[in-house]
Amino acid sequence: MQKRVLIKIKKDGTELSLREVLEKIKELQDQNPDLDVFFDGDEYAICSRPRDAPQ
């Protein structure tokens, strides 16, 4: 698994709302259909990894 951090979010004092984070994830998913884009709570970041090829 090759997880990549796309957008790091500051834990304290962030100006982003949950809605904005979800919209950004959706936007990145639409732009990159070959990637699994998700929020990683440990990294506090929007991350991606390659999708598994259909078998």
C-alpha atoms as a PDB file:
ATOM      1  CA  MET A   1       0.000   0.000   0.000  1.00  0.00           C
ATOM      2  CA  GLN A   2       1.450   3.348  -1.075  1.00  0.00           C
ATOM      3  CA  LYS A   3      -0.402   5.939   0.981  1.00  0.00           C
ATOM      4  CA  ARG A   4       0.367   9.515  -0.037  1.00  0.00           C
ATOM      5  CA  VAL A   5      -0.561  12.656   1.906  1.00  0.00           C
ATOM      6  CA  LEU A   6      -2.295  15.098  -0.452  1.00  0.00           C
ATOM      7  CA  ILE A   7      -3.401  17.825   1.968  1.00  0.00           C
ATOM      8  CA  LYS A   8      -2.192  18.178   5.559  1.00  0.00           C
ATOM      9  CA  ILE A   9      -4.721  19.848   7.881  1.00  0.00           C
ATOM     10  CA  LYS A  10      -3.637  21.749  10.988  1.00  0.00           C
ATOM     11  CA  LYS A  11      -5.232  20.259  14.113  1.00  0.00           C
ATOM     12  CA  ASP A  12      -5.326  23.512  16.049  1.00  0.00           C
ATOM     13  CA  GLY A  13      -6.794  26.660  14.604  1.00  0.00           C
ATOM     14  CA  THR A  14      -7.859  25.259  11.239  1.00  0.00           C
ATOM     15  CA  GLU A  15     -10.165  27.438   9.204  1.00  0.00           C
ATOM     16  CA  LEU A  16     -11.624  24.455   7.320  1.00  0.00           C
ATOM     17  CA  SER A  17     -15.089  23.170   8.149  1.00  0.00           C
ATOM     18  CA  LEU A  18     -16.045  19.514   7.908  1.00  0.00           C
ATOM     19  CA  ARG A  19     -18.125  20.346   4.831  1.00  0.00           C
ATOM     20  CA  GLU A  20     -15.071  21.886   3.114  1.00  0.00           C
ATOM     21  CA  VAL A  21     -12.945  18.824   3.896  1.00  0.00           C
ATOM     22  CA  LEU A  22     -15.632  16.499   2.493  1.00  0.00           C
ATOM     23  CA  GLU A  23     -16.037  18.677  -0.623  1.00  0.00           C
ATOM     24  CA  LYS A  24     -12.263  18.599  -1.195  1.00  0.00           C
ATOM     25  CA  ILE A  25     -12.219  14.808  -0.841  1.00  0.00           C
ATOM     26  CA  LYS A  26     -15.079  14.532  -3.378  1.00  0.00           C
ATOM     27  CA  GLU A  27     -13.283  16.901  -5.774  1.00  0.00           C
ATOM     28  CA  LEU A  28     -10.055  14.879  -5.543  1.00  0.00           C
ATOM     29  CA  GLN A  29     -11.990  11.607  -6.043  1.00  0.00           C
ATOM     30  CA  ASP A  30     -13.630  13.011  -9.181  1.00  0.00           C
ATOM     31  CA  GLN A  31     -10.272  14.208 -10.557  1.00  0.00           C
ATOM     32  CA  ASN A  32      -8.484  10.930  -9.753  1.00  0.00           C
ATOM     33  CA  PRO A  33     -10.797   7.949 -10.339  1.00  0.00           C
ATOM     34  CA  ASP A  34      -7.806   5.582 -10.146  1.00  0.00           C
ATOM     35  CA  LEU A  35      -7.066   6.645  -6.538  1.00  0.00           C
ATOM     36  CA  ASP A  36      -8.807   5.868  -3.274  1.00  0.00           C
ATOM     37  CA  VAL A  37      -9.003   9.311  -1.605  1.00  0.00           C
ATOM     38  CA  PHE A  38      -9.793   9.381   2.120  1.00  0.00           C
ATOM     39  CA  PHE A  39      -9.338  11.284   5.389  1.00  0.00           C
ATOM     40  CA  ASP A  40      -6.687   9.760   7.643  1.00  0.00           C
ATOM     41  CA  GLY A  41      -7.385  10.686  11.264  1.00  0.00           C
ATOM     42  CA  ASP A  42      -3.937   9.579  12.459  1.00  0.00           C
ATOM     43  CA  GLU A  43      -2.182  11.833   9.935  1.00  0.00           C
ATOM     44  CA  TYR A  44      -4.971  14.446  10.143  1.00  0.00           C
ATOM     45  CA  ALA A  45      -4.740  14.723   6.368  1.00  0.00           C
ATOM     46  CA  ILE A  46      -6.479  13.926   3.118  1.00  0.00           C
ATOM     47  CA  CYS A  47      -4.578  10.976   1.685  1.00  0.00           C
ATOM     48  CA  SER A  48      -4.706   8.708  -1.331  1.00  0.00           C
ATOM     49  CA  ARG A  49      -3.556   5.296  -2.441  1.00  0.00           C
ATOM     50  CA  PRO A  50      -3.904   3.446  -5.726  1.00  0.00           C
ATOM     51  CA  ARG A  51      -7.151   1.527  -6.128  1.00  0.00           C
ATOM     52  CA  ASP A  52      -6.847  -2.223  -6.543  1.00  0.00           C
ATOM     53  CA  ALA A  53      -7.175  -3.312 -10.167  1.00  0.00           C
ATOM     54  CA  PRO A  54     -10.411  -5.233 -10.802  1.00  0.00           C
ATOM     55  CA  GLN A  55      -9.787  -8.977 -10.988  1.00  0.00           C
END
